[in-house]
């Protein structure tokens, strides 16, 4: 069973999501929180597999709660952010804080279930095109990358840099394989080595890093 913690200050939304999740045979809701502080406390107490995290909550918001939960260690609960996107200015910060991805609050029930399963497996669950829009909004509106001197991109091979750029441009593994005339398995291997060399958790952080280091420039690629 996939154990899920719900964190949202809207009771009706929590109830709706709970109904969807509990209708799935492989999921159970182990707790609910109406603010970020309670979410972080329950995550430590209940050890869920996935936390569905709202961003805008009173007192401690979803960004700080995500940072607290993910800061407990790599084997801790995965965080999947729920957002209205167009109104939300904090999702990029949540991704940097360790969230494995995000969903829009109008996501269809089958897609919500698929996302929870993907995150529970350790995959990042963010639509590439939407990831790019988010990052372009939050990294240097004039196109200037944010410096990250602690990251050594020189550790990557030429092919790995190519793969990282294409990932940041929103291509799937299948599309990258076709573009570079590689097998999908080879692309997955390159991606695993990229994450290991750069000390990143998942594909989402790789996309963020590519923009921050200027491998891809907002609005130009």
C-alpha atoms as a PDB file:
ATOM      1  CA  UNK A   1       0.000   0.000   0.000  1.00  0.00           C
ATOM      2  CA  UNK A   2       1.107   3.551  -0.752  1.00  0.00           C
ATOM      3  CA  UNK A   3       0.694   5.614   2.403  1.00  0.00           C
ATOM      4  CA  UNK A   4      -0.335   9.213   1.680  1.00  0.00           C
ATOM      5  CA  UNK A   5      -0.464  12.306   3.884  1.00  0.00           C
ATOM      6  CA  UNK A   6      -2.712  15.183   2.743  1.00  0.00           C
ATOM      7  CA  UNK A   7      -1.665  18.761   3.524  1.00  0.00           C
ATOM      8  CA  UNK A   8      -4.087  21.521   2.505  1.00  0.00           C
ATOM      9  CA  UNK A   9      -5.904  24.219   4.443  1.00  0.00           C
ATOM     10  CA  UNK A  10      -9.106  23.658   2.446  1.00  0.00           C
ATOM     11  CA  UNK A  11     -11.107  20.927   4.149  1.00  0.00           C
ATOM     12  CA  UNK A  12     -13.340  20.272   1.141  1.00  0.00           C
ATOM     13  CA  UNK A  13     -10.334  19.764  -1.123  1.00  0.00           C
ATOM     14  CA  UNK A  14      -8.793  17.313   1.355  1.00  0.00           C
ATOM     15  CA  UNK A  15     -12.040  15.382   1.534  1.00  0.00           C
ATOM     16  CA  UNK A  16     -12.272  15.189  -2.248  1.00  0.00           C
ATOM     17  CA  UNK A  17      -8.702  14.000  -2.637  1.00  0.00           C
ATOM     18  CA  UNK A  18      -9.145  11.482   0.171  1.00  0.00           C
ATOM     19  CA  UNK A  19     -12.149   9.958  -1.615  1.00  0.00           C
ATOM     20  CA  UNK A  20     -10.156   9.608  -4.839  1.00  0.00           C
ATOM     21  CA  UNK A  21      -7.152   8.020  -3.136  1.00  0.00           C
ATOM     22  CA  UNK A  22      -9.110   5.640  -0.945  1.00  0.00           C
ATOM     23  CA  UNK A  23     -11.017   4.325  -3.967  1.00  0.00           C
ATOM     24  CA  UNK A  24      -7.683   3.015  -5.250  1.00  0.00           C
ATOM     25  CA  UNK A  25      -6.818  -0.466  -4.022  1.00  0.00           C
ATOM     26  CA  UNK A  26      -3.138   0.340  -3.538  1.00  0.00           C
ATOM     27  CA  UNK A  27      -3.417   3.571  -1.508  1.00  0.00           C
ATOM     28  CA  UNK A  28      -4.431   4.682   1.953  1.00  0.00           C
ATOM     29  CA  UNK A  29      -4.593   8.147   3.510  1.00  0.00           C
ATOM     30  CA  UNK A  30      -2.772   7.987   6.832  1.00  0.00           C
ATOM     31  CA  UNK A  31      -3.299  11.581   7.944  1.00  0.00           C
ATOM     32  CA  UNK A  32      -4.372  15.127   7.137  1.00  0.00           C
ATOM     33  CA  UNK A  33      -2.891  18.515   7.965  1.00  0.00           C
ATOM     34  CA  UNK A  34      -4.251  22.019   7.559  1.00  0.00           C
ATOM     35  CA  UNK A  35      -0.907  23.838   7.707  1.00  0.00           C
ATOM     36  CA  UNK A  36       2.753  23.239   6.966  1.00  0.00           C
ATOM     37  CA  UNK A  37       3.914  22.843  10.553  1.00  0.00           C
ATOM     38  CA  UNK A  38       1.361  20.106  11.184  1.00  0.00           C
ATOM     39  CA  UNK A  39       2.269  18.464   7.860  1.00  0.00           C
ATOM     40  CA  UNK A  40       5.951  18.296   8.778  1.00  0.00           C
ATOM     41  CA  UNK A  41       5.150  16.929  12.231  1.00  0.00           C
ATOM     42  CA  UNK A  42       2.813  14.259  10.866  1.00  0.00           C
ATOM     43  CA  UNK A  43       5.306  13.301   8.159  1.00  0.00           C
ATOM     44  CA  UNK A  44       7.882  12.589  10.876  1.00  0.00           C
ATOM     45  CA  UNK A  45       5.361  10.746  13.039  1.00  0.00           C
ATOM     46  CA  UNK A  46       3.506   8.692  10.412  1.00  0.00           C
ATOM     47  CA  UNK A  47       6.276   8.138   7.832  1.00  0.00           C
ATOM     48  CA  UNK A  48       4.018   8.265   4.749  1.00  0.00           C
ATOM     49  CA  UNK A  49       5.384   7.358   1.342  1.00  0.00           C
ATOM     50  CA  UNK A  50       4.009  10.511  -0.296  1.00  0.00           C
ATOM     51  CA  UNK A  51       2.870  13.897   1.003  1.00  0.00           C
ATOM     52  CA  UNK A  52       0.405  15.771  -1.198  1.00  0.00           C
ATOM     53  CA  UNK A  53       1.370  19.332  -0.304  1.00  0.00           C
ATOM     54  CA  UNK A  54      -0.533  22.549  -0.872  1.00  0.00           C
ATOM     55  CA  UNK A  55       1.663  25.641  -1.207  1.00  0.00           C
ATOM     56  CA  UNK A  56      -0.433  28.424   0.273  1.00  0.00           C
ATOM     57  CA  UNK A  57      -1.224  27.523   3.858  1.00  0.00           C
ATOM     58  CA  UNK A  58      -1.327  29.610   7.043  1.00  0.00           C
ATOM     59  CA  UNK A  59       1.704  30.064   9.288  1.00  0.00           C
ATOM     60  CA  UNK A  60       4.196  27.584   7.778  1.00  0.00           C
ATOM     61  CA  UNK A  61       3.627  27.358   4.019  1.00  0.00           C
ATOM     62  CA  UNK A  62       4.158  24.369   1.754  1.00  0.00           C
ATOM     63  CA  UNK A  63       7.652  25.446   0.693  1.00  0.00           C
ATOM     64  CA  UNK A  64       9.017  25.462   4.228  1.00  0.00           C
ATOM     65  CA  UNK A  65       7.134  22.280   5.076  1.00  0.00           C
ATOM     66  CA  UNK A  66       8.669  20.604   2.024  1.00  0.00           C
ATOM     67  CA  UNK A  67      12.132  21.731   3.113  1.00  0.00           C
ATOM     68  CA  UNK A  68      11.570  20.324   6.602  1.00  0.00           C
ATOM     69  CA  UNK A  69      10.267  16.990   5.329  1.00  0.00           C
ATOM     70  CA  UNK A  70      12.910  16.473   2.652  1.00  0.00           C
ATOM     71  CA  UNK A  71      15.644  17.679   4.975  1.00  0.00           C
ATOM     72  CA  UNK A  72      15.070  14.674   7.200  1.00  0.00           C
ATOM     73  CA  UNK A  73      16.943  12.467   4.726  1.00  0.00           C
ATOM     74  CA  UNK A  74      16.754  10.901   1.262  1.00  0.00           C
ATOM     75  CA  UNK A  75      14.690   7.955   2.505  1.00  0.00           C
ATOM     76  CA  UNK A  76      11.969  10.182   3.915  1.00  0.00           C
ATOM     77  CA  UNK A  77       8.551  10.905   2.438  1.00  0.00           C
ATOM     78  CA  UNK A  78       8.354  12.176  -1.135  1.00  0.00           C
ATOM     79  CA  UNK A  79       6.535  15.497  -1.607  1.00  0.00           C
ATOM     80  CA  UNK A  80       4.128  16.126  -4.476  1.00  0.00           C
ATOM     81  CA  UNK A  81       2.978  19.754  -4.635  1.00  0.00           C
ATOM     82  CA  UNK A  82      -0.602  20.754  -5.449  1.00  0.00           C
ATOM     83  CA  UNK A  83      -0.967  24.190  -6.997  1.00  0.00           C
ATOM     84  CA  UNK A  84      -3.208  26.466  -9.002  1.00  0.00           C
ATOM     85  CA  UNK A  85       0.002  27.369 -10.933  1.00  0.00           C
ATOM     86  CA  UNK A  86      -1.045  30.675 -12.519  1.00  0.00           C
ATOM     87  CA  UNK A  87      -1.704  32.170  -9.092  1.00  0.00           C
ATOM     88  CA  UNK A  88       1.178  30.438  -7.358  1.00  0.00           C
ATOM     89  CA  UNK A  89       4.598  32.106  -7.130  1.00  0.00           C
ATOM     90  CA  UNK A  90       6.188  29.521  -4.862  1.00  0.00           C
ATOM     91  CA  UNK A  91       6.295  26.254  -6.807  1.00  0.00           C
ATOM     92  CA  UNK A  92       9.811  26.874  -8.110  1.00  0.00           C
ATOM     93  CA  UNK A  93      10.980  27.338  -4.518  1.00  0.00           C
ATOM     94  CA  UNK A  94       9.244  24.092  -3.549  1.00  0.00           C
ATOM     95  CA  UNK A  95      11.062  22.217  -6.307  1.00  0.00           C
ATOM     96  CA  UNK A  96      14.365  23.569  -5.037  1.00  0.00           C
ATOM     97  CA  UNK A  97      13.338  22.604  -1.509  1.00  0.00           C
ATOM     98  CA  UNK A  98      13.102  18.978  -2.599  1.00  0.00           C
ATOM     99  CA  UNK A  99       9.602  18.416  -3.976  1.00  0.00           C
ATOM    100  CA  UNK A 100       9.470  15.603  -6.503  1.00  0.00           C
ATOM    101  CA  UNK A 101       7.052  17.510  -8.702  1.00  0.00           C
ATOM    102  CA  UNK A 102       3.675  19.140  -8.770  1.00  0.00           C
ATOM    103  CA  UNK A 103       0.121  18.762  -9.969  1.00  0.00           C
ATOM    104  CA  UNK A 104      -2.530  21.308 -10.781  1.00  0.00           C
ATOM    105  CA  UNK A 105      -5.526  21.248  -8.492  1.00  0.00           C
ATOM    106  CA  UNK A 106      -7.831  20.560 -11.421  1.00  0.00           C
ATOM    107  CA  UNK A 107      -5.933  17.352 -12.298  1.00  0.00           C
ATOM    108  CA  UNK A 108      -8.218  14.470 -13.253  1.00  0.00           C
ATOM    109  CA  UNK A 109      -8.525  11.619 -10.763  1.00  0.00           C
ATOM    110  CA  UNK A 110      -6.684   9.005 -12.912  1.00  0.00           C
ATOM    111  CA  UNK A 111      -3.786  11.422 -13.400  1.00  0.00           C
ATOM    112  CA  UNK A 112      -3.634  12.143  -9.677  1.00  0.00           C
ATOM    113  CA  UNK A 113      -3.392   8.430  -8.916  1.00  0.00           C
ATOM    114  CA  UNK A 114      -0.731   7.922 -11.586  1.00  0.00           C
ATOM    115  CA  UNK A 115       1.291  10.801 -10.172  1.00  0.00           C
ATOM    116  CA  UNK A 116       1.161   9.466  -6.618  1.00  0.00           C
ATOM    117  CA  UNK A 117       2.288   6.037  -7.823  1.00  0.00           C
ATOM    118  CA  UNK A 118       5.119   7.551  -9.871  1.00  0.00           C
ATOM    119  CA  UNK A 119       6.403   9.646  -6.966  1.00  0.00           C
ATOM    120  CA  UNK A 120       6.152   6.674  -4.600  1.00  0.00           C
ATOM    121  CA  UNK A 121       8.418   4.755  -7.008  1.00  0.00           C
ATOM    122  CA  UNK A 122      10.960   7.560  -6.804  1.00  0.00           C
ATOM    123  CA  UNK A 123      10.180   9.218 -10.132  1.00  0.00           C
ATOM    124  CA  UNK A 124       9.776  12.957 -10.619  1.00  0.00           C
ATOM    125  CA  UNK A 125       6.250  13.853 -11.680  1.00  0.00           C
ATOM    126  CA  UNK A 126       6.261  17.183 -13.503  1.00  0.00           C
ATOM    127  CA  UNK A 127       5.034  17.829 -17.001  1.00  0.00           C
ATOM    128  CA  UNK A 128       8.176  19.021 -18.843  1.00  0.00           C
ATOM    129  CA  UNK A 129       6.472  21.884 -20.669  1.00  0.00           C
ATOM    130  CA  UNK A 130       5.015  23.234 -17.439  1.00  0.00           C
ATOM    131  CA  UNK A 131       8.343  22.815 -15.659  1.00  0.00           C
ATOM    132  CA  UNK A 132       9.950  24.985 -18.284  1.00  0.00           C
ATOM    133  CA  UNK A 133       7.278  27.684 -17.931  1.00  0.00           C
ATOM    134  CA  UNK A 134       7.791  27.722 -14.171  1.00  0.00           C
ATOM    135  CA  UNK A 135      11.548  28.013 -14.399  1.00  0.00           C
ATOM    136  CA  UNK A 136      11.399  30.704 -17.052  1.00  0.00           C
ATOM    137  CA  UNK A 137       9.208  32.748 -14.716  1.00  0.00           C
ATOM    138  CA  UNK A 138      11.563  32.435 -11.772  1.00  0.00           C
ATOM    139  CA  UNK A 139      15.101  32.479 -13.148  1.00  0.00           C
ATOM    140  CA  UNK A 140      16.367  35.852 -14.311  1.00  0.00           C
ATOM    141  CA  UNK A 141      13.634  37.554 -16.291  1.00  0.00           C
ATOM    142  CA  UNK A 142      16.403  39.177 -18.355  1.00  0.00           C
ATOM    143  CA  UNK A 143      17.718  35.737 -19.305  1.00  0.00           C
ATOM    144  CA  UNK A 144      20.699  35.800 -16.948  1.00  0.00           C
ATOM    145  CA  UNK A 145      21.329  32.503 -15.144  1.00  0.00           C
ATOM    146  CA  UNK A 146      21.775  32.385 -11.417  1.00  0.00           C
ATOM    147  CA  UNK A 147      25.367  31.409 -10.593  1.00  0.00           C
ATOM    148  CA  UNK A 148      25.896  28.039  -8.946  1.00  0.00           C
ATOM    149  CA  UNK A 149      29.647  27.870  -8.270  1.00  0.00           C
ATOM    150  CA  UNK A 150      29.210  24.796  -6.093  1.00  0.00           C
ATOM    151  CA  UNK A 151      28.183  22.689  -9.079  1.00  0.00           C
ATOM    152  CA  UNK A 152      30.922  21.278 -11.313  1.00  0.00           C
ATOM    153  CA  UNK A 153      29.399  20.803 -14.747  1.00  0.00           C
ATOM    154  CA  UNK A 154      32.857  19.881 -15.974  1.00  0.00           C
ATOM    155  CA  UNK A 155      32.240  16.462 -14.439  1.00  0.00           C
ATOM    156  CA  UNK A 156      29.804  15.720 -17.254  1.00  0.00           C
ATOM    157  CA  UNK A 157      30.833  14.257 -20.583  1.00  0.00           C
ATOM    158  CA  UNK A 158      29.817  16.001 -23.786  1.00  0.00           C
ATOM    159  CA  UNK A 159      27.010  13.505 -24.337  1.00  0.00           C
ATOM    160  CA  UNK A 160      25.745  13.927 -20.776  1.00  0.00           C
ATOM    161  CA  UNK A 161      25.591  17.699 -21.259  1.00  0.00           C
ATOM    162  CA  UNK A 162      23.593  17.158 -24.448  1.00  0.00           C
ATOM    163  CA  UNK A 163      21.144  14.951 -22.598  1.00  0.00           C
ATOM    164  CA  UNK A 164      20.823  17.448 -19.737  1.00  0.00           C
ATOM    165  CA  UNK A 165      20.063  20.299 -22.146  1.00  0.00           C
ATOM    166  CA  UNK A 166      17.369  18.270 -23.906  1.00  0.00           C
ATOM    167  CA  UNK A 167      15.832  17.269 -20.586  1.00  0.00           C
ATOM    168  CA  UNK A 168      15.693  20.948 -19.618  1.00  0.00           C
ATOM    169  CA  UNK A 169      14.021  21.767 -22.939  1.00  0.00           C
ATOM    170  CA  UNK A 170      11.190  19.442 -22.007  1.00  0.00           C
ATOM    171  CA  UNK A 171      11.980  16.317 -24.032  1.00  0.00           C
ATOM    172  CA  UNK A 172      11.102  12.884 -22.689  1.00  0.00           C
ATOM    173  CA  UNK A 173      13.605  10.024 -22.661  1.00  0.00           C
ATOM    174  CA  UNK A 174      11.967   8.610 -25.783  1.00  0.00           C
ATOM    175  CA  UNK A 175      12.248  11.933 -27.613  1.00  0.00           C
ATOM    176  CA  UNK A 176      15.869  12.372 -26.539  1.00  0.00           C
ATOM    177  CA  UNK A 177      16.679   8.873 -27.762  1.00  0.00           C
ATOM    178  CA  UNK A 178      15.223   9.719 -31.173  1.00  0.00           C
ATOM    179  CA  UNK A 179      17.023  13.068 -31.351  1.00  0.00           C
ATOM    180  CA  UNK A 180      20.436  11.608 -30.455  1.00  0.00           C
ATOM    181  CA  UNK A 181      20.002   8.221 -32.195  1.00  0.00           C
ATOM    182  CA  UNK A 182      20.322   6.330 -28.915  1.00  0.00           C
ATOM    183  CA  UNK A 183      18.256   3.656 -27.217  1.00  0.00           C
ATOM    184  CA  UNK A 184      15.923   4.756 -24.447  1.00  0.00           C
ATOM    185  CA  UNK A 185      17.907   2.582 -22.034  1.00  0.00           C
ATOM    186  CA  UNK A 186      21.093   4.458 -22.942  1.00  0.00           C
ATOM    187  CA  UNK A 187      19.378   7.783 -22.262  1.00  0.00           C
ATOM    188  CA  UNK A 188      18.223   6.514 -18.869  1.00  0.00           C
ATOM    189  CA  UNK A 189      21.803   5.476 -18.135  1.00  0.00           C
ATOM    190  CA  UNK A 190      23.100   8.933 -19.044  1.00  0.00           C
ATOM    191  CA  UNK A 191      20.440  10.516 -16.818  1.00  0.00           C
ATOM    192  CA  UNK A 192      21.386   8.314 -13.864  1.00  0.00           C
ATOM    193  CA  UNK A 193      25.045   9.293 -14.220  1.00  0.00           C
ATOM    194  CA  UNK A 194      24.146  12.983 -14.513  1.00  0.00           C
ATOM    195  CA  UNK A 195      22.206  12.843 -11.247  1.00  0.00           C
ATOM    196  CA  UNK A 196      24.992  10.944  -9.500  1.00  0.00           C
ATOM    197  CA  UNK A 197      27.793  13.253 -10.693  1.00  0.00           C
ATOM    198  CA  UNK A 198      25.932  16.442  -9.790  1.00  0.00           C
ATOM    199  CA  UNK A 199      24.499  15.162  -6.505  1.00  0.00           C
ATOM    200  CA  UNK A 200      20.900  15.700  -7.604  1.00  0.00           C
ATOM    201  CA  UNK A 201      17.840  13.810  -6.435  1.00  0.00           C
ATOM    202  CA  UNK A 202      15.774  13.649  -9.585  1.00  0.00           C
ATOM    203  CA  UNK A 203      14.961  14.955 -13.060  1.00  0.00           C
ATOM    204  CA  UNK A 204      13.240  18.051 -11.674  1.00  0.00           C
ATOM    205  CA  UNK A 205      16.386  19.231  -9.920  1.00  0.00           C
ATOM    206  CA  UNK A 206      18.362  18.523 -13.096  1.00  0.00           C
ATOM    207  CA  UNK A 207      16.068  20.817 -15.091  1.00  0.00           C
ATOM    208  CA  UNK A 208      16.344  23.572 -12.474  1.00  0.00           C
ATOM    209  CA  UNK A 209      20.133  23.256 -12.466  1.00  0.00           C
ATOM    210  CA  UNK A 210      20.382  23.436 -16.256  1.00  0.00           C
ATOM    211  CA  UNK A 211      18.608  26.801 -16.209  1.00  0.00           C
ATOM    212  CA  UNK A 212      20.497  28.113 -13.191  1.00  0.00           C
ATOM    213  CA  UNK A 213      23.865  27.294 -14.767  1.00  0.00           C
ATOM    214  CA  UNK A 214      22.941  28.815 -18.108  1.00  0.00           C
ATOM    215  CA  UNK A 215      22.972  25.585 -20.145  1.00  0.00           C
ATOM    216  CA  UNK A 216      19.468  26.614 -21.196  1.00  0.00           C
ATOM    217  CA  UNK A 217      18.371  30.235 -21.139  1.00  0.00           C
ATOM    218  CA  UNK A 218      14.796  31.250 -20.340  1.00  0.00           C
ATOM    219  CA  UNK A 219      12.882  32.374 -23.404  1.00  0.00           C
ATOM    220  CA  UNK A 220      15.681  31.514 -25.829  1.00  0.00           C
ATOM    221  CA  UNK A 221      15.708  27.701 -26.093  1.00  0.00           C
END
